[in-house]
Amino acid sequence: MRRDLILTFFLAFILIGMGFMLGNFYAVSGDLHQGKTLTFAAPSTSTAMESASPSFTTGILLDAVWKQEASEETIFPICVGSLHLDKLTTGPEALEHALRIHGDDAPFDGVYIPSYSGGEERVTVWIFEIHSVYDAAVHLKKINDHIYANHDPGTYGSFYLQDVQVFHLNISNENNYYYRKHNKIYWISMVTNDPIPLFLRFYEHF
Protein backbone atom coordinates (compact mmCIF):
# COMPACT_ATOMS: atom_id res chain seq x y z
CA MET A 1 0.00 0.00 0.00
CA ARG A 2 2.73 2.39 1.01
CA ARG A 3 4.65 1.60 -2.18
CA ASP A 4 1.53 2.31 -4.26
CA LEU A 5 1.05 5.72 -2.60
CA ILE A 6 4.65 6.69 -3.28
CA LEU A 7 4.33 5.62 -6.94
CA THR A 8 1.07 7.57 -7.33
CA PHE A 9 2.63 10.70 -5.80
CA PHE A 10 5.68 10.38 -8.05
CA LEU A 11 3.53 10.05 -11.19
CA ALA A 12 1.43 13.07 -10.17
CA PHE A 13 4.60 15.11 -9.65
CA ILE A 14 5.87 14.16 -13.12
CA LEU A 15 2.54 15.09 -14.74
CA ILE A 16 2.48 18.49 -12.99
CA GLY A 17 6.05 19.17 -14.13
CA MET A 18 5.23 18.25 -17.72
CA GLY A 19 2.19 20.51 -17.67
CA PHE A 20 4.27 23.42 -16.42
CA MET A 21 6.89 22.89 -19.11
CA LEU A 22 4.28 22.64 -21.89
CA GLY A 23 2.61 25.81 -20.67
CA ASN A 24 5.88 27.73 -20.83
CA PHE A 25 6.63 26.31 -24.29
CA TYR A 26 3.33 27.51 -25.80
CA ALA A 27 3.62 30.88 -24.11
CA VAL A 28 7.12 31.44 -25.53
CA SER A 29 6.04 30.09 -28.92
CA GLY A 30 3.19 32.59 -29.02
CA ASP A 31 5.56 35.45 -28.17
CA LEU A 32 7.94 34.39 -30.91
CA HIS A 33 5.10 34.26 -33.44
CA GLN A 34 4.02 37.78 -32.52
CA GLY A 35 7.62 38.92 -32.72
CA LYS A 36 7.95 37.59 -36.27
CA THR A 37 4.82 39.45 -37.32
CA LEU A 38 6.31 42.70 -36.04
CA THR A 39 9.76 41.99 -37.40
CA PHE A 40 8.55 41.35 -40.93
CA ALA A 41 6.07 44.23 -41.05
CA ALA A 42 6.31 45.96 -44.44
CA PRO A 43 7.88 49.45 -44.50
CA SER A 44 5.83 52.47 -45.55
CA THR A 45 5.31 53.00 -49.27
CA SER A 46 7.32 56.20 -49.43
CA THR A 47 10.29 54.69 -47.58
CA ALA A 48 10.40 51.64 -49.84
CA MET A 49 10.20 53.78 -52.93
CA GLU A 50 12.91 56.22 -51.80
CA SER A 51 15.31 53.39 -51.03
CA ALA A 52 15.00 52.21 -54.64
CA SER A 53 15.73 55.65 -56.10
CA PRO A 54 19.11 55.85 -57.91
CA SER A 55 21.17 59.03 -58.16
CA PHE A 56 21.28 60.81 -61.52
CA THR A 57 23.33 63.92 -60.67
CA THR A 58 25.84 64.89 -58.03
CA GLY A 59 23.43 65.79 -55.24
CA ILE A 60 21.38 68.86 -56.11
CA LEU A 61 19.23 70.31 -53.33
CA LEU A 62 16.26 72.63 -53.78
CA ASP A 63 17.42 75.04 -51.06
CA ALA A 64 20.96 75.24 -52.49
CA VAL A 65 22.25 77.53 -55.21
CA TRP A 66 21.19 76.01 -58.54
CA LYS A 67 24.19 74.20 -59.97
CA GLN A 68 24.15 71.36 -62.43
CA GLU A 69 27.14 69.52 -63.83
CA ALA A 70 26.95 66.41 -65.96
CA SER A 71 28.53 63.44 -64.19
CA GLU A 72 29.73 60.16 -65.61
CA GLU A 73 26.21 58.80 -65.09
CA THR A 74 24.76 61.59 -67.25
CA ILE A 75 25.50 60.23 -70.69
CA PHE A 76 23.78 61.51 -73.81
CA PRO A 77 24.43 59.76 -77.14
CA ILE A 78 25.98 61.93 -79.86
CA CYS A 79 23.86 60.15 -82.46
CA VAL A 80 20.58 58.24 -82.31
CA GLY A 81 20.04 56.59 -85.67
CA SER A 82 20.51 59.32 -88.27
CA LEU A 83 19.84 62.13 -85.77
CA HIS A 84 22.68 64.11 -84.20
CA LEU A 85 22.85 65.93 -80.88
CA ASP A 86 22.54 69.64 -81.67
CA LYS A 87 22.27 71.14 -78.21
CA LEU A 88 22.24 70.12 -74.55
CA THR A 89 20.49 72.53 -72.21
CA THR A 90 21.13 72.17 -68.45
CA GLY A 91 21.39 74.29 -65.33
CA PRO A 92 19.32 77.43 -64.73
CA GLU A 93 18.18 77.69 -68.34
CA ALA A 94 16.76 74.14 -68.35
CA LEU A 95 15.15 74.66 -64.97
CA GLU A 96 13.55 77.92 -66.11
CA HIS A 97 12.01 76.20 -69.14
CA ALA A 98 10.75 73.30 -67.01
CA LEU A 99 9.18 75.47 -64.29
CA ARG A 100 7.50 77.65 -66.90
CA ILE A 101 5.68 74.55 -68.18
CA HIS A 102 5.18 72.57 -64.96
CA GLY A 103 4.73 75.37 -62.41
CA ASP A 104 6.95 76.75 -59.67
CA ASP A 105 5.97 73.95 -57.29
CA ALA A 106 7.34 71.19 -59.56
CA PRO A 107 9.68 69.04 -57.41
CA PHE A 108 12.64 69.06 -59.80
CA ASP A 109 16.19 68.44 -58.61
CA GLY A 110 17.70 68.38 -62.09
CA VAL A 111 16.60 69.08 -65.66
CA TYR A 112 18.36 68.07 -68.88
CA ILE A 113 17.16 68.91 -72.41
CA PRO A 114 19.13 67.28 -75.25
CA SER A 115 17.93 68.22 -78.75
CA TYR A 116 18.51 66.09 -81.85
CA SER A 117 17.90 66.64 -85.56
CA GLY A 118 18.51 64.97 -88.91
CA GLY A 119 16.91 65.76 -92.24
CA GLU A 120 13.32 66.77 -91.56
CA GLU A 121 13.17 64.95 -88.19
CA ARG A 122 13.60 66.69 -84.86
CA VAL A 123 13.54 65.21 -81.35
CA THR A 124 13.73 66.97 -78.00
CA VAL A 125 14.17 64.92 -74.83
CA TRP A 126 13.21 66.39 -71.46
CA ILE A 127 14.65 64.60 -68.44
CA PHE A 128 13.28 65.64 -65.06
CA GLU A 129 14.99 64.30 -61.96
CA ILE A 130 12.71 64.48 -58.90
CA HIS A 131 13.30 64.14 -55.13
CA SER A 132 12.11 60.55 -54.86
CA VAL A 133 10.30 57.81 -56.73
CA TYR A 134 7.14 58.60 -54.78
CA ASP A 135 7.23 62.32 -55.72
CA ALA A 136 7.95 61.41 -59.35
CA ALA A 137 4.88 59.14 -59.45
CA VAL A 138 2.74 61.90 -57.91
CA HIS A 139 3.99 64.47 -60.43
CA LEU A 140 3.40 62.10 -63.36
CA LYS A 141 -0.21 61.74 -62.20
CA LYS A 142 -0.48 65.53 -62.10
CA ILE A 143 0.75 65.69 -65.70
CA ASN A 144 -1.80 63.10 -66.81
CA ASP A 145 -4.64 64.82 -64.94
CA HIS A 146 -3.84 68.05 -66.79
CA ILE A 147 -3.68 66.30 -70.17
CA TYR A 148 -6.91 64.38 -69.62
CA ALA A 149 -8.70 67.60 -68.65
CA ASN A 150 -7.42 69.68 -71.56
CA HIS A 151 -7.17 67.36 -74.58
CA ASP A 152 -9.53 65.20 -76.57
CA PRO A 153 -9.47 61.49 -75.66
CA GLY A 154 -8.43 60.60 -79.21
CA THR A 155 -5.15 62.49 -78.85
CA TYR A 156 -3.66 60.52 -75.95
CA GLY A 157 -3.24 56.97 -74.71
CA SER A 158 -0.68 54.57 -73.24
CA PHE A 159 1.04 51.22 -73.70
CA TYR A 160 3.59 49.13 -71.81
CA LEU A 161 7.23 48.40 -72.62
CA GLN A 162 8.11 45.58 -70.23
CA ASP A 163 7.07 47.04 -66.84
CA VAL A 164 7.16 50.72 -67.88
CA GLN A 165 3.91 52.45 -68.82
CA VAL A 166 4.52 54.81 -71.73
CA PHE A 167 2.00 57.60 -72.33
CA HIS A 168 1.63 59.36 -75.65
CA LEU A 169 0.07 62.63 -76.74
CA ASN A 170 -0.34 64.00 -80.27
CA ILE A 171 -0.39 67.79 -80.62
CA SER A 172 -0.64 69.15 -84.19
CA ASN A 173 2.44 67.73 -85.94
CA GLU A 174 4.27 66.62 -82.78
CA ASN A 175 4.28 63.14 -81.29
CA ASN A 176 5.00 63.14 -77.57
CA TYR A 177 5.92 60.10 -75.47
CA TYR A 178 6.52 60.31 -71.75
CA TYR A 179 7.12 57.83 -68.94
CA ARG A 180 8.74 57.40 -65.53
CA LYS A 181 11.75 55.30 -64.61
CA HIS A 182 12.54 55.31 -60.89
CA ASN A 183 12.67 58.99 -59.82
CA LYS A 184 12.98 60.44 -63.32
CA ILE A 185 10.32 61.46 -65.83
CA TYR A 186 11.23 61.42 -69.51
CA TRP A 187 9.31 63.43 -72.10
CA ILE A 188 10.27 62.86 -75.74
CA SER A 189 8.82 65.27 -78.29
CA MET A 190 9.21 64.24 -81.93
CA VAL A 191 8.59 65.68 -85.37
CA THR A 192 8.66 62.73 -87.75
CA ASN A 193 6.45 60.82 -90.17
CA ASP A 194 7.19 57.48 -88.49
CA PRO A 195 7.14 58.05 -84.72
CA ILE A 196 7.11 54.55 -83.21
CA PRO A 197 10.43 53.24 -84.65
CA LEU A 198 12.16 56.53 -83.83
CA PHE A 199 10.76 56.57 -80.30
CA LEU A 200 11.99 53.03 -79.69
CA ARG A 201 15.49 54.08 -80.74
CA PHE A 202 15.47 56.88 -78.17
CA TYR A 203 13.90 54.66 -75.52
CA GLU A 204 16.98 52.43 -75.72
CA HIS A 205 19.10 55.36 -74.48
CA PHE A 206 16.72 57.09 -72.05
C-alpha atoms as a PDB file:
ATOM      1  CA  MET A   1       0.000   0.000   0.000  1.00  0.00           C
ATOM      2  CA  ARG A   2       2.734   2.389   1.014  1.00  0.00           C
ATOM      3  CA  ARG A   3       4.651   1.604  -2.177  1.00  0.00           C
ATOM      4  CA  ASP A   4       1.529   2.310  -4.257  1.00  0.00           C
ATOM      5  CA  LEU A   5       1.048   5.724  -2.602  1.00  0.00           C
ATOM      6  CA  ILE A   6       4.645   6.690  -3.279  1.00  0.00           C
ATOM      7  CA  LEU A   7       4.334   5.619  -6.936  1.00  0.00           C
ATOM      8  CA  THR A   8       1.072   7.571  -7.331  1.00  0.00           C
ATOM      9  CA  PHE A   9       2.627  10.697  -5.797  1.00  0.00           C
ATOM     10  CA  PHE A  10       5.680  10.381  -8.052  1.00  0.00           C
ATOM     11  CA  LEU A  11       3.529  10.052 -11.188  1.00  0.00           C
ATOM     12  CA  ALA A  12       1.430  13.068 -10.173  1.00  0.00           C
ATOM     13  CA  PHE A  13       4.599  15.114  -9.653  1.00  0.00           C
ATOM     14  CA  ILE A  14       5.874  14.155 -13.115  1.00  0.00           C
ATOM     15  CA  LEU A  15       2.536  15.088 -14.736  1.00  0.00           C
ATOM     16  CA  ILE A  16       2.478  18.487 -12.993  1.00  0.00           C
ATOM     17  CA  GLY A  17       6.046  19.173 -14.132  1.00  0.00           C
ATOM     18  CA  MET A  18       5.228  18.254 -17.719  1.00  0.00           C
ATOM     19  CA  GLY A  19       2.193  20.509 -17.674  1.00  0.00           C
ATOM     20  CA  PHE A  20       4.271  23.418 -16.416  1.00  0.00           C
ATOM     21  CA  MET A  21       6.893  22.890 -19.115  1.00  0.00           C
ATOM     22  CA  LEU A  22       4.284  22.643 -21.889  1.00  0.00           C
ATOM     23  CA  GLY A  23       2.605  25.809 -20.673  1.00  0.00           C
ATOM     24  CA  ASN A  24       5.880  27.731 -20.831  1.00  0.00           C
ATOM     25  CA  PHE A  25       6.632  26.311 -24.290  1.00  0.00           C
ATOM     26  CA  TYR A  26       3.332  27.507 -25.804  1.00  0.00           C
ATOM     27  CA  ALA A  27       3.622  30.883 -24.109  1.00  0.00           C
ATOM     28  CA  VAL A  28       7.125  31.442 -25.533  1.00  0.00           C
ATOM     29  CA  SER A  29       6.036  30.088 -28.920  1.00  0.00           C
ATOM     30  CA  GLY A  30       3.189  32.589 -29.019  1.00  0.00           C
ATOM     31  CA  ASP A  31       5.556  35.453 -28.169  1.00  0.00           C
ATOM     32  CA  LEU A  32       7.941  34.394 -30.906  1.00  0.00           C
ATOM     33  CA  HIS A  33       5.102  34.263 -33.442  1.00  0.00           C
ATOM     34  CA  GLN A  34       4.022  37.776 -32.525  1.00  0.00           C
ATOM     35  CA  GLY A  35       7.625  38.915 -32.721  1.00  0.00           C
ATOM     36  CA  LYS A  36       7.952  37.588 -36.266  1.00  0.00           C
ATOM     37  CA  THR A  37       4.818  39.450 -37.319  1.00  0.00           C
ATOM     38  CA  LEU A  38       6.313  42.704 -36.043  1.00  0.00           C
ATOM     39  CA  THR A  39       9.763  41.987 -37.400  1.00  0.00           C
ATOM     40  CA  PHE A  40       8.549  41.347 -40.931  1.00  0.00           C
ATOM     41  CA  ALA A  41       6.074  44.234 -41.047  1.00  0.00           C
ATOM     42  CA  ALA A  42       6.308  45.961 -44.438  1.00  0.00           C
ATOM     43  CA  PRO A  43       7.878  49.453 -44.499  1.00  0.00           C
ATOM     44  CA  SER A  44       5.827  52.466 -45.547  1.00  0.00           C
ATOM     45  CA  THR A  45       5.306  52.998 -49.271  1.00  0.00           C
ATOM     46  CA  SER A  46       7.320  56.201 -49.431  1.00  0.00           C
ATOM     47  CA  THR A  47      10.291  54.690 -47.581  1.00  0.00           C
ATOM     48  CA  ALA A  48      10.397  51.641 -49.835  1.00  0.00           C
ATOM     49  CA  MET A  49      10.203  53.783 -52.931  1.00  0.00           C
ATOM     50  CA  GLU A  50      12.909  56.219 -51.799  1.00  0.00           C
ATOM     51  CA  SER A  51      15.311  53.388 -51.035  1.00  0.00           C
ATOM     52  CA  ALA A  52      15.004  52.206 -54.644  1.00  0.00           C
ATOM     53  CA  SER A  53      15.732  55.654 -56.101  1.00  0.00           C
ATOM     54  CA  PRO A  54      19.109  55.851 -57.908  1.00  0.00           C
ATOM     55  CA  SER A  55      21.169  59.029 -58.155  1.00  0.00           C
ATOM     56  CA  PHE A  56      21.284  60.806 -61.519  1.00  0.00           C
ATOM     57  CA  THR A  57      23.334  63.917 -60.665  1.00  0.00           C
ATOM     58  CA  THR A  58      25.842  64.889 -58.027  1.00  0.00           C
ATOM     59  CA  GLY A  59      23.430  65.790 -55.236  1.00  0.00           C
ATOM     60  CA  ILE A  60      21.376  68.859 -56.108  1.00  0.00           C
ATOM     61  CA  LEU A  61      19.227  70.315 -53.329  1.00  0.00           C
ATOM     62  CA  LEU A  62      16.263  72.634 -53.780  1.00  0.00           C
ATOM     63  CA  ASP A  63      17.425  75.043 -51.063  1.00  0.00           C
ATOM     64  CA  ALA A  64      20.959  75.236 -52.488  1.00  0.00           C
ATOM     65  CA  VAL A  65      22.248  77.532 -55.213  1.00  0.00           C
ATOM     66  CA  TRP A  66      21.193  76.009 -58.539  1.00  0.00           C
ATOM     67  CA  LYS A  67      24.190  74.202 -59.974  1.00  0.00           C
ATOM     68  CA  GLN A  68      24.151  71.357 -62.435  1.00  0.00           C
ATOM     69  CA  GLU A  69      27.139  69.521 -63.827  1.00  0.00           C
ATOM     70  CA  ALA A  70      26.950  66.405 -65.956  1.00  0.00           C
ATOM     71  CA  SER A  71      28.533  63.436 -64.193  1.00  0.00           C
ATOM     72  CA  GLU A  72      29.733  60.157 -65.608  1.00  0.00           C
ATOM     73  CA  GLU A  73      26.212  58.798 -65.087  1.00  0.00           C
ATOM     74  CA  THR A  74      24.756  61.589 -67.246  1.00  0.00           C
ATOM     75  CA  ILE A  75      25.497  60.228 -70.686  1.00  0.00           C
ATOM     76  CA  PHE A  76      23.779  61.505 -73.812  1.00  0.00           C
ATOM     77  CA  PRO A  77      24.432  59.764 -77.143  1.00  0.00           C
ATOM     78  CA  ILE A  78      25.980  61.934 -79.863  1.00  0.00           C
ATOM     79  CA  CYS A  79      23.861  60.149 -82.463  1.00  0.00           C
ATOM     80  CA  VAL A  80      20.579  58.238 -82.314  1.00  0.00           C
ATOM     81  CA  GLY A  81      20.044  56.587 -85.672  1.00  0.00           C
ATOM     82  CA  SER A  82      20.507  59.317 -88.271  1.00  0.00           C
ATOM     83  CA  LEU A  83      19.837  62.125 -85.771  1.00  0.00           C
ATOM     84  CA  HIS A  84      22.681  64.105 -84.203  1.00  0.00           C
ATOM     85  CA  LEU A  85      22.855  65.931 -80.878  1.00  0.00           C
ATOM     86  CA  ASP A  86      22.542  69.643 -81.667  1.00  0.00           C
ATOM     87  CA  LYS A  87      22.266  71.139 -78.206  1.00  0.00           C
ATOM     88  CA  LEU A  88      22.244  70.124 -74.547  1.00  0.00           C
ATOM     89  CA  THR A  89      20.488  72.534 -72.210  1.00  0.00           C
ATOM     90  CA  THR A  90      21.125  72.169 -68.453  1.00  0.00           C
ATOM     91  CA  GLY A  91      21.387  74.288 -65.326  1.00  0.00           C
ATOM     92  CA  PRO A  92      19.320  77.434 -64.730  1.00  0.00           C
ATOM     93  CA  GLU A  93      18.177  77.689 -68.342  1.00  0.00           C
ATOM     94  CA  ALA A  94      16.764  74.140 -68.353  1.00  0.00           C
ATOM     95  CA  LEU A  95      15.147  74.657 -64.965  1.00  0.00           C
ATOM     96  CA  GLU A  96      13.546  77.918 -66.109  1.00  0.00           C
ATOM     97  CA  HIS A  97      12.011  76.200 -69.145  1.00  0.00           C
ATOM     98  CA  ALA A  98      10.747  73.305 -67.006  1.00  0.00           C
ATOM     99  CA  LEU A  99       9.179  75.467 -64.290  1.00  0.00           C
ATOM    100  CA  ARG A 100       7.500  77.648 -66.901  1.00  0.00           C
ATOM    101  CA  ILE A 101       5.683  74.552 -68.177  1.00  0.00           C
ATOM    102  CA  HIS A 102       5.178  72.568 -64.959  1.00  0.00           C
ATOM    103  CA  GLY A 103       4.734  75.370 -62.413  1.00  0.00           C
ATOM    104  CA  ASP A 104       6.950  76.748 -59.672  1.00  0.00           C
ATOM    105  CA  ASP A 105       5.969  73.949 -57.289  1.00  0.00           C
ATOM    106  CA  ALA A 106       7.342  71.187 -59.562  1.00  0.00           C
ATOM    107  CA  PRO A 107       9.682  69.043 -57.412  1.00  0.00           C
ATOM    108  CA  PHE A 108      12.637  69.057 -59.801  1.00  0.00           C
ATOM    109  CA  ASP A 109      16.194  68.443 -58.607  1.00  0.00           C
ATOM    110  CA  GLY A 110      17.695  68.380 -62.089  1.00  0.00           C
ATOM    111  CA  VAL A 111      16.601  69.078 -65.657  1.00  0.00           C
ATOM    112  CA  TYR A 112      18.362  68.067 -68.883  1.00  0.00           C
ATOM    113  CA  ILE A 113      17.159  68.906 -72.409  1.00  0.00           C
ATOM    114  CA  PRO A 114      19.135  67.282 -75.252  1.00  0.00           C
ATOM    115  CA  SER A 115      17.934  68.218 -78.751  1.00  0.00           C
ATOM    116  CA  TYR A 116      18.510  66.086 -81.851  1.00  0.00           C
ATOM    117  CA  SER A 117      17.896  66.636 -85.556  1.00  0.00           C
ATOM    118  CA  GLY A 118      18.509  64.974 -88.906  1.00  0.00           C
ATOM    119  CA  GLY A 119      16.910  65.755 -92.244  1.00  0.00           C
ATOM    120  CA  GLU A 120      13.316  66.767 -91.556  1.00  0.00           C
ATOM    121  CA  GLU A 121      13.172  64.954 -88.195  1.00  0.00           C
ATOM    122  CA  ARG A 122      13.599  66.693 -84.857  1.00  0.00           C
ATOM    123  CA  VAL A 123      13.540  65.214 -81.354  1.00  0.00           C
ATOM    124  CA  THR A 124      13.730  66.974 -78.001  1.00  0.00           C
ATOM    125  CA  VAL A 125      14.170  64.922 -74.829  1.00  0.00           C
ATOM    126  CA  TRP A 126      13.212  66.391 -71.460  1.00  0.00           C
ATOM    127  CA  ILE A 127      14.653  64.599 -68.440  1.00  0.00           C
ATOM    128  CA  PHE A 128      13.279  65.639 -65.064  1.00  0.00           C
ATOM    129  CA  GLU A 129      14.990  64.296 -61.961  1.00  0.00           C
ATOM    130  CA  ILE A 130      12.705  64.477 -58.897  1.00  0.00           C
ATOM    131  CA  HIS A 131      13.302  64.145 -55.134  1.00  0.00           C
ATOM    132  CA  SER A 132      12.106  60.549 -54.856  1.00  0.00           C
ATOM    133  CA  VAL A 133      10.295  57.813 -56.732  1.00  0.00           C
ATOM    134  CA  TYR A 134       7.143  58.599 -54.784  1.00  0.00           C
ATOM    135  CA  ASP A 135       7.234  62.320 -55.720  1.00  0.00           C
ATOM    136  CA  ALA A 136       7.954  61.405 -59.348  1.00  0.00           C
ATOM    137  CA  ALA A 137       4.884  59.140 -59.447  1.00  0.00           C
ATOM    138  CA  VAL A 138       2.743  61.901 -57.914  1.00  0.00           C
ATOM    139  CA  HIS A 139       3.990  64.466 -60.434  1.00  0.00           C
ATOM    140  CA  LEU A 140       3.396  62.101 -63.356  1.00  0.00           C
ATOM    141  CA  LYS A 141      -0.209  61.735 -62.200  1.00  0.00           C
ATOM    142  CA  LYS A 142      -0.477  65.533 -62.098  1.00  0.00           C
ATOM    143  CA  ILE A 143       0.745  65.688 -65.701  1.00  0.00           C
ATOM    144  CA  ASN A 144      -1.797  63.103 -66.814  1.00  0.00           C
ATOM    145  CA  ASP A 145      -4.639  64.816 -64.942  1.00  0.00           C
ATOM    146  CA  HIS A 146      -3.844  68.050 -66.789  1.00  0.00           C
ATOM    147  CA  ILE A 147      -3.677  66.300 -70.169  1.00  0.00           C
ATOM    148  CA  TYR A 148      -6.914  64.376 -69.618  1.00  0.00           C
ATOM    149  CA  ALA A 149      -8.704  67.595 -68.653  1.00  0.00           C
ATOM    150  CA  ASN A 150      -7.422  69.682 -71.562  1.00  0.00           C
ATOM    151  CA  HIS A 151      -7.170  67.361 -74.577  1.00  0.00           C
ATOM    152  CA  ASP A 152      -9.533  65.203 -76.567  1.00  0.00           C
ATOM    153  CA  PRO A 153      -9.469  61.489 -75.663  1.00  0.00           C
ATOM    154  CA  GLY A 154      -8.435  60.603 -79.208  1.00  0.00           C
ATOM    155  CA  THR A 155      -5.146  62.486 -78.853  1.00  0.00           C
ATOM    156  CA  TYR A 156      -3.658  60.521 -75.947  1.00  0.00           C
ATOM    157  CA  GLY A 157      -3.242  56.968 -74.708  1.00  0.00           C
ATOM    158  CA  SER A 158      -0.676  54.570 -73.242  1.00  0.00           C
ATOM    159  CA  PHE A 159       1.040  51.225 -73.699  1.00  0.00           C
ATOM    160  CA  TYR A 160       3.593  49.133 -71.809  1.00  0.00           C
ATOM    161  CA  LEU A 161       7.228  48.405 -72.625  1.00  0.00           C
ATOM    162  CA  GLN A 162       8.111  45.583 -70.228  1.00  0.00           C
ATOM    163  CA  ASP A 163       7.075  47.039 -66.843  1.00  0.00           C
ATOM    164  CA  VAL A 164       7.161  50.721 -67.876  1.00  0.00           C
ATOM    165  CA  GLN A 165       3.910  52.450 -68.816  1.00  0.00           C
ATOM    166  CA  VAL A 166       4.520  54.813 -71.728  1.00  0.00           C
ATOM    167  CA  PHE A 167       1.997  57.599 -72.331  1.00  0.00           C
ATOM    168  CA  HIS A 168       1.632  59.364 -75.653  1.00  0.00           C
ATOM    169  CA  LEU A 169       0.073  62.634 -76.743  1.00  0.00           C
ATOM    170  CA  ASN A 170      -0.338  64.003 -80.266  1.00  0.00           C
ATOM    171  CA  ILE A 171      -0.392  67.789 -80.623  1.00  0.00           C
ATOM    172  CA  SER A 172      -0.644  69.155 -84.193  1.00  0.00           C
ATOM    173  CA  ASN A 173       2.441  67.729 -85.944  1.00  0.00           C
ATOM    174  CA  GLU A 174       4.268  66.625 -82.779  1.00  0.00           C
ATOM    175  CA  ASN A 175       4.279  63.143 -81.288  1.00  0.00           C
ATOM    176  CA  ASN A 176       4.995  63.142 -77.574  1.00  0.00           C
ATOM    177  CA  TYR A 177       5.924  60.104 -75.465  1.00  0.00           C
ATOM    178  CA  TYR A 178       6.516  60.309 -71.746  1.00  0.00           C
ATOM    179  CA  TYR A 179       7.117  57.835 -68.945  1.00  0.00           C
ATOM    180  CA  ARG A 180       8.740  57.397 -65.529  1.00  0.00           C
ATOM    181  CA  LYS A 181      11.745  55.296 -64.608  1.00  0.00           C
ATOM    182  CA  HIS A 182      12.537  55.315 -60.892  1.00  0.00           C
ATOM    183  CA  ASN A 183      12.671  58.994 -59.819  1.00  0.00           C
ATOM    184  CA  LYS A 184      12.982  60.441 -63.319  1.00  0.00           C
ATOM    185  CA  ILE A 185      10.317  61.463 -65.828  1.00  0.00           C
ATOM    186  CA  TYR A 186      11.234  61.419 -69.513  1.00  0.00           C
ATOM    187  CA  TRP A 187       9.308  63.432 -72.099  1.00  0.00           C
ATOM    188  CA  ILE A 188      10.273  62.861 -75.743  1.00  0.00           C
ATOM    189  CA  SER A 189       8.816  65.275 -78.290  1.00  0.00           C
ATOM    190  CA  MET A 190       9.209  64.242 -81.930  1.00  0.00           C
ATOM    191  CA  VAL A 191       8.591  65.682 -85.374  1.00  0.00           C
ATOM    192  CA  THR A 192       8.655  62.729 -87.754  1.00  0.00           C
ATOM    193  CA  ASN A 193       6.447  60.825 -90.172  1.00  0.00           C
ATOM    194  CA  ASP A 194       7.191  57.480 -88.495  1.00  0.00           C
ATOM    195  CA  PRO A 195       7.137  58.055 -84.720  1.00  0.00           C
ATOM    196  CA  ILE A 196       7.110  54.546 -83.208  1.00  0.00           C
ATOM    197  CA  PRO A 197      10.434  53.240 -84.652  1.00  0.00           C
ATOM    198  CA  LEU A 198      12.161  56.526 -83.830  1.00  0.00           C
ATOM    199  CA  PHE A 199      10.757  56.574 -80.302  1.00  0.00           C
ATOM    200  CA  LEU A 200      11.986  53.025 -79.685  1.00  0.00           C
ATOM    201  CA  ARG A 201      15.490  54.075 -80.743  1.00  0.00           C
ATOM    202  CA  PHE A 202      15.471  56.876 -78.172  1.00  0.00           C
ATOM    203  CA  TYR A 203      13.895  54.661 -75.519  1.00  0.00           C
ATOM    204  CA  GLU A 204      16.982  52.428 -75.716  1.00  0.00           C
ATOM    205  CA  HIS A 205      19.097  55.355 -74.479  1.00  0.00           C
ATOM    206  CA  PHE A 206      16.719  57.094 -72.054  1.00  0.00           C
END
